[in-house]
Amino acid sequence: MFTPPRESGFASPPVSKDRRRELQLFQKYAQLKFRRLELLNLAFSHRSYANETGLGLDDNEKLEFLGDSVLGLVVSDYLVRTLQDRSEGGMARIKSFVVSEASLSGIARTLRVDNFILVGRGEEFSGGRSRDTLLADALEAIIGAYYVDSGFRAATDFVNRFLIPEINRVLEDRHEKDYKSLLQELAQQALKTHPRYRVVERQGPEHDRTFVVEVVVRDKVYGPGEGKNKKTAEQAAAAIAYAALSAPKKARPRR
């Protein structure tokens, strides 16, 4: 009976000769050097893959949990040391953009993480390896695995290499906006209300579905926004509402 190898307390997927070449290729893309490739392989192991093998393997969720903590600490430390004139609230806002799913999934795509993720057949069929959530989670798992493998200093260097440019994008207002958060703040402060989102249509087959969402602010409907998942569609609808509500009011002509 196969017994999965345990690296640092994890039951890691076995690394075949072909898989070793793939992981070495990823390390070249990411400019990383793992001492234990089993940990990197585990960082790519989605729950659907681990469950499907039936070998008692772990998935990457514990490494993701660890990587999320490492990521948060590294980014917070950098912001506190470099933006001493900013308030705690201002730094928290910058951090929220930098460690967002949109930011992390974009970095993951730059590193071609989607080419190396291990997913089950069902997840593969539904296009799961290209989902923002799965990519962002995998990147956090890689950070966690690198921390376990090579220590905090190495993990810090890796995080800073990709996150400092994201911080600069936020400071220069060139980042992808979180329109749901912006709309929430605007609605609360200016209108004393909360946005309400509703799915009005689902288009296409289940494995290639498009969601159509509207947002209601004070009984006025904005949208629709579309996306391959509800979160993306809600962001699109929120962007429409935010643009309409934050636009300067035209002055009435004098008579």
Protein backbone atom coordinates (compact mmCIF):
# COMPACT_ATOMS: atom_id res chain seq x y z
CA MET A 1 0.00 0.00 0.00
CA PHE A 2 1.28 3.47 -0.94
CA THR A 3 2.25 5.66 2.00
CA PRO A 4 2.54 9.34 1.08
CA PRO A 5 5.82 10.97 2.08
CA ARG A 6 5.55 13.38 4.99
CA GLU A 7 7.45 16.63 4.67
CA SER A 8 7.37 18.85 7.77
CA GLY A 9 4.24 17.09 8.97
CA PHE A 10 2.43 17.12 5.60
CA ALA A 11 1.42 14.11 3.50
CA SER A 12 2.73 15.43 0.18
CA PRO A 13 1.93 14.12 -3.31
CA PRO A 14 4.76 12.06 -4.78
CA VAL A 15 7.08 13.87 -7.20
CA SER A 16 7.67 11.82 -10.35
CA LYS A 17 10.55 12.45 -12.72
CA ASP A 18 8.29 14.38 -15.11
CA ARG A 19 6.72 16.33 -12.27
CA ARG A 20 10.16 17.24 -10.96
CA ARG A 21 10.98 18.82 -14.32
CA GLU A 22 7.73 20.79 -14.19
CA LEU A 23 8.44 22.07 -10.68
CA GLN A 24 11.97 23.04 -11.69
CA LEU A 25 10.49 25.00 -14.58
CA PHE A 26 8.17 26.84 -12.20
CA GLN A 27 11.10 27.68 -9.93
CA LYS A 28 12.82 29.22 -12.93
CA TYR A 29 9.75 31.38 -13.69
CA ALA A 30 9.36 32.42 -10.04
CA GLN A 31 13.10 32.74 -9.28
CA LEU A 32 12.75 30.39 -6.31
CA LYS A 33 14.85 27.49 -5.08
CA PHE A 34 13.11 24.89 -2.91
CA ARG A 35 15.22 22.40 -1.01
CA ARG A 36 12.21 20.07 -0.74
CA LEU A 37 10.21 19.88 -3.96
CA GLU A 38 7.54 17.86 -2.16
CA LEU A 39 6.51 21.03 -0.31
CA LEU A 40 6.20 23.00 -3.55
CA ASN A 41 4.23 20.14 -5.08
CA LEU A 42 1.90 20.18 -2.08
CA ALA A 43 1.36 23.93 -2.52
CA PHE A 44 -0.05 23.15 -5.97
CA SER A 45 -2.31 20.35 -4.70
CA HIS A 46 -5.96 21.47 -4.69
CA ARG A 47 -8.48 19.74 -2.44
CA SER A 48 -10.22 18.19 -5.46
CA TYR A 49 -6.98 16.47 -6.50
CA ALA A 50 -6.11 15.22 -3.01
CA ASN A 51 -9.61 13.78 -2.54
CA GLU A 52 -9.66 12.15 -5.96
CA THR A 53 -6.41 10.23 -5.50
CA GLY A 54 -7.72 8.29 -2.50
CA LEU A 55 -4.16 8.05 -1.18
CA GLY A 56 -4.64 9.99 2.04
CA LEU A 57 -2.78 13.01 0.71
CA ASP A 58 -3.00 16.47 2.22
CA ASP A 59 -4.15 19.42 0.13
CA ASN A 60 -2.67 22.90 0.06
CA GLU A 61 -5.14 24.54 2.46
CA LYS A 62 -2.90 24.47 5.55
CA LEU A 63 -0.04 25.98 3.55
CA GLU A 64 -2.47 28.58 2.21
CA PHE A 65 -3.48 29.46 5.78
CA LEU A 66 0.17 29.82 6.74
CA GLY A 67 1.04 31.78 3.61
CA ASP A 68 -1.81 34.21 4.22
CA SER A 69 -0.31 35.03 7.63
CA VAL A 70 3.21 35.42 6.24
CA LEU A 71 1.89 37.61 3.42
CA GLY A 72 -0.03 39.84 5.82
CA LEU A 73 2.95 40.31 8.12
CA VAL A 74 5.40 41.07 5.30
CA VAL A 75 3.12 43.63 3.68
CA SER A 76 2.23 45.26 7.01
CA ASP A 77 5.90 45.48 7.99
CA TYR A 78 6.81 47.10 4.68
CA LEU A 79 3.98 49.65 4.91
CA VAL A 80 4.81 50.64 8.49
CA ARG A 81 8.50 51.10 7.67
CA THR A 82 8.07 53.00 4.40
CA LEU A 83 4.84 54.99 4.83
CA GLN A 84 5.35 56.54 8.25
CA ASP A 85 3.23 59.56 7.34
CA ARG A 86 0.14 57.41 6.70
CA SER A 87 -2.51 56.66 9.29
CA GLU A 88 -3.30 53.09 10.35
CA GLY A 89 -6.53 53.32 8.39
CA GLY A 90 -4.70 54.50 5.29
CA MET A 91 -2.21 51.65 5.48
CA ALA A 92 -5.02 49.14 6.06
CA ARG A 93 -6.75 50.39 2.92
CA ILE A 94 -3.57 50.01 0.85
CA LYS A 95 -3.00 46.53 2.26
CA SER A 96 -6.56 45.46 1.43
CA PHE A 97 -5.95 46.21 -2.25
CA VAL A 98 -2.48 44.66 -2.32
CA VAL A 99 -3.47 41.31 -0.78
CA SER A 100 -6.84 41.14 -2.56
CA GLU A 101 -7.88 38.18 -4.65
CA ALA A 102 -7.58 40.28 -7.81
CA SER A 103 -4.00 41.28 -6.99
CA LEU A 104 -2.84 37.81 -5.96
CA SER A 105 -4.49 36.02 -8.88
CA GLY A 106 -2.85 38.50 -11.26
CA ILE A 107 0.57 37.73 -9.79
CA ALA A 108 -0.21 34.01 -9.97
CA ARG A 109 -0.98 34.31 -13.68
CA THR A 110 2.28 36.19 -14.23
CA LEU A 111 4.07 33.20 -12.65
CA ARG A 112 1.96 30.76 -14.74
CA VAL A 113 0.71 29.08 -11.59
CA ASP A 114 -2.34 27.81 -13.49
CA ASN A 115 -0.05 25.57 -15.58
CA PHE A 116 1.19 23.70 -12.52
CA ILE A 117 -1.87 23.35 -10.24
CA LEU A 118 -3.02 19.78 -9.52
CA VAL A 119 -6.83 19.61 -9.66
CA GLY A 120 -9.39 16.83 -9.86
CA ARG A 121 -11.17 15.94 -13.09
CA GLY A 122 -14.37 17.73 -12.12
CA GLU A 123 -12.53 20.92 -11.24
CA GLU A 124 -10.54 20.68 -14.47
CA PHE A 125 -13.70 20.25 -16.53
CA SER A 126 -15.34 23.31 -14.96
CA GLY A 127 -12.32 25.52 -15.66
CA GLY A 128 -11.31 25.64 -12.02
CA ARG A 129 -7.58 26.04 -12.58
CA SER A 130 -8.17 29.48 -14.11
CA ARG A 131 -10.46 30.78 -11.34
CA ASP A 132 -9.19 33.81 -9.44
CA THR A 133 -9.95 32.24 -6.06
CA LEU A 134 -8.04 29.05 -6.80
CA LEU A 135 -5.05 30.96 -8.20
CA ALA A 136 -4.87 33.39 -5.26
CA ASP A 137 -5.11 30.49 -2.80
CA ALA A 138 -2.35 28.60 -4.61
CA LEU A 139 -0.05 31.63 -4.48
CA GLU A 140 -0.59 31.93 -0.72
CA ALA A 141 0.16 28.22 -0.39
CA ILE A 142 3.42 28.68 -2.31
CA ILE A 143 4.37 31.49 0.08
CA GLY A 144 3.57 29.22 3.03
CA ALA A 145 5.56 26.34 1.54
CA TYR A 146 8.55 28.57 0.87
CA TYR A 147 8.43 29.83 4.46
CA VAL A 148 8.46 26.23 5.77
CA ASP A 149 11.20 25.24 3.33
CA SER A 150 13.55 28.21 3.45
CA GLY A 151 12.56 30.46 6.35
CA PHE A 152 11.04 33.88 6.89
CA ARG A 153 13.81 35.94 5.24
CA ALA A 154 13.53 34.04 1.96
CA ALA A 155 9.73 34.22 2.05
CA THR A 156 9.94 37.96 2.73
CA ASP A 157 12.21 38.50 -0.27
CA PHE A 158 9.81 36.56 -2.50
CA VAL A 159 6.72 38.45 -1.29
CA ASN A 160 8.37 41.86 -1.57
CA ARG A 161 9.53 41.18 -5.11
CA PHE A 162 5.94 40.98 -6.30
CA LEU A 163 4.00 42.97 -3.74
CA ILE A 164 6.08 46.18 -3.63
CA PRO A 165 5.16 46.93 -7.28
CA GLU A 166 1.51 46.35 -6.32
CA ILE A 167 1.87 48.78 -3.40
CA ASN A 168 3.32 51.36 -5.78
CA ARG A 169 0.39 50.84 -8.15
CA VAL A 170 -2.00 51.59 -5.31
CA LEU A 171 -0.05 54.69 -4.27
CA GLU A 172 -0.15 55.92 -7.88
CA ASP A 173 -3.86 54.99 -8.18
CA ARG A 174 -3.16 52.55 -11.02
CA HIS A 175 -4.53 49.47 -9.26
CA GLU A 176 -7.67 47.50 -9.93
CA LYS A 177 -10.35 49.06 -7.76
CA ASP A 178 -12.48 47.13 -5.28
CA TYR A 179 -15.70 48.80 -6.34
CA LYS A 180 -17.85 46.85 -3.90
CA SER A 181 -15.92 48.35 -0.98
CA LEU A 182 -15.92 51.82 -2.56
CA LEU A 183 -19.67 51.66 -3.18
CA GLN A 184 -20.29 50.39 0.35
CA GLU A 185 -18.38 53.34 1.84
CA LEU A 186 -20.11 55.87 -0.45
CA ALA A 187 -23.57 54.49 0.25
CA GLN A 188 -23.01 54.49 4.02
CA GLN A 189 -21.44 57.94 4.24
CA ALA A 190 -23.50 59.88 1.70
CA LEU A 191 -26.81 58.03 1.64
CA LYS A 192 -26.94 56.24 5.01
CA THR A 193 -27.84 52.95 3.34
CA HIS A 194 -26.29 49.70 2.09
CA PRO A 195 -26.08 48.33 -1.48
CA ARG A 196 -28.07 45.17 -2.18
CA TYR A 197 -26.98 42.78 -4.92
CA ARG A 198 -29.21 40.37 -6.80
CA VAL A 199 -28.55 37.82 -9.53
CA VAL A 200 -31.06 38.49 -12.31
CA GLU A 201 -29.85 35.92 -14.83
CA ARG A 202 -27.53 32.93 -15.28
CA GLN A 203 -26.41 32.37 -18.85
CA GLY A 204 -24.76 29.35 -20.46
CA PRO A 205 -24.09 25.76 -19.33
CA GLU A 206 -22.97 25.03 -15.76
CA HIS A 207 -19.31 24.56 -16.71
CA ASP A 208 -19.21 27.89 -18.60
CA ARG A 209 -21.76 30.04 -16.81
CA THR A 210 -22.08 33.83 -16.91
CA PHE A 211 -23.78 35.64 -14.04
CA VAL A 212 -25.75 38.85 -14.54
CA VAL A 213 -26.10 41.00 -11.41
CA GLU A 214 -27.83 44.25 -10.51
CA VAL A 215 -27.22 46.38 -7.44
CA VAL A 216 -29.89 48.40 -5.66
CA VAL A 217 -29.01 51.57 -3.76
CA ARG A 218 -31.92 53.42 -2.14
CA ASP A 219 -34.45 51.71 -4.41
CA LYS A 220 -32.56 52.72 -7.55
CA VAL A 221 -31.24 49.88 -9.71
CA TYR A 222 -27.78 50.01 -11.32
CA GLY A 223 -26.18 47.64 -13.79
CA PRO A 224 -26.31 45.00 -14.93
CA GLY A 225 -22.80 43.69 -14.41
CA GLU A 226 -21.61 40.39 -15.87
CA GLY A 227 -18.94 37.90 -14.87
CA LYS A 228 -17.97 34.24 -14.85
CA ASN A 229 -18.78 34.13 -11.13
CA LYS A 230 -21.03 36.11 -8.79
CA LYS A 231 -18.17 38.05 -7.24
CA THR A 232 -16.92 39.35 -10.59
CA ALA A 233 -20.44 40.24 -11.70
CA GLU A 234 -21.08 42.08 -8.43
CA GLN A 235 -17.86 44.06 -8.90
CA ALA A 236 -18.97 45.04 -12.40
CA ALA A 237 -22.39 46.17 -11.15
CA ALA A 238 -20.79 48.06 -8.25
CA ALA A 239 -18.46 49.88 -10.68
CA ILE A 240 -21.48 51.12 -12.64
CA ALA A 241 -23.26 52.27 -9.50
CA TYR A 242 -20.16 53.91 -8.04
CA ALA A 243 -19.49 55.84 -11.26
CA ALA A 244 -23.07 57.11 -11.33
CA LEU A 245 -23.25 58.06 -7.65
CA SER A 246 -19.81 59.67 -7.43
CA ALA A 247 -20.12 61.71 -10.64
CA PRO A 248 -20.24 65.45 -10.00
CA LYS A 249 -23.75 66.85 -10.14
CA LYS A 250 -24.36 69.19 -13.05
CA ALA A 251 -25.24 72.67 -11.94
CA ARG A 252 -28.65 73.86 -12.98
CA PRO A 253 -28.52 76.72 -15.52
CA ARG A 254 -29.44 80.12 -14.17
CA ARG A 255 -32.61 81.68 -15.45
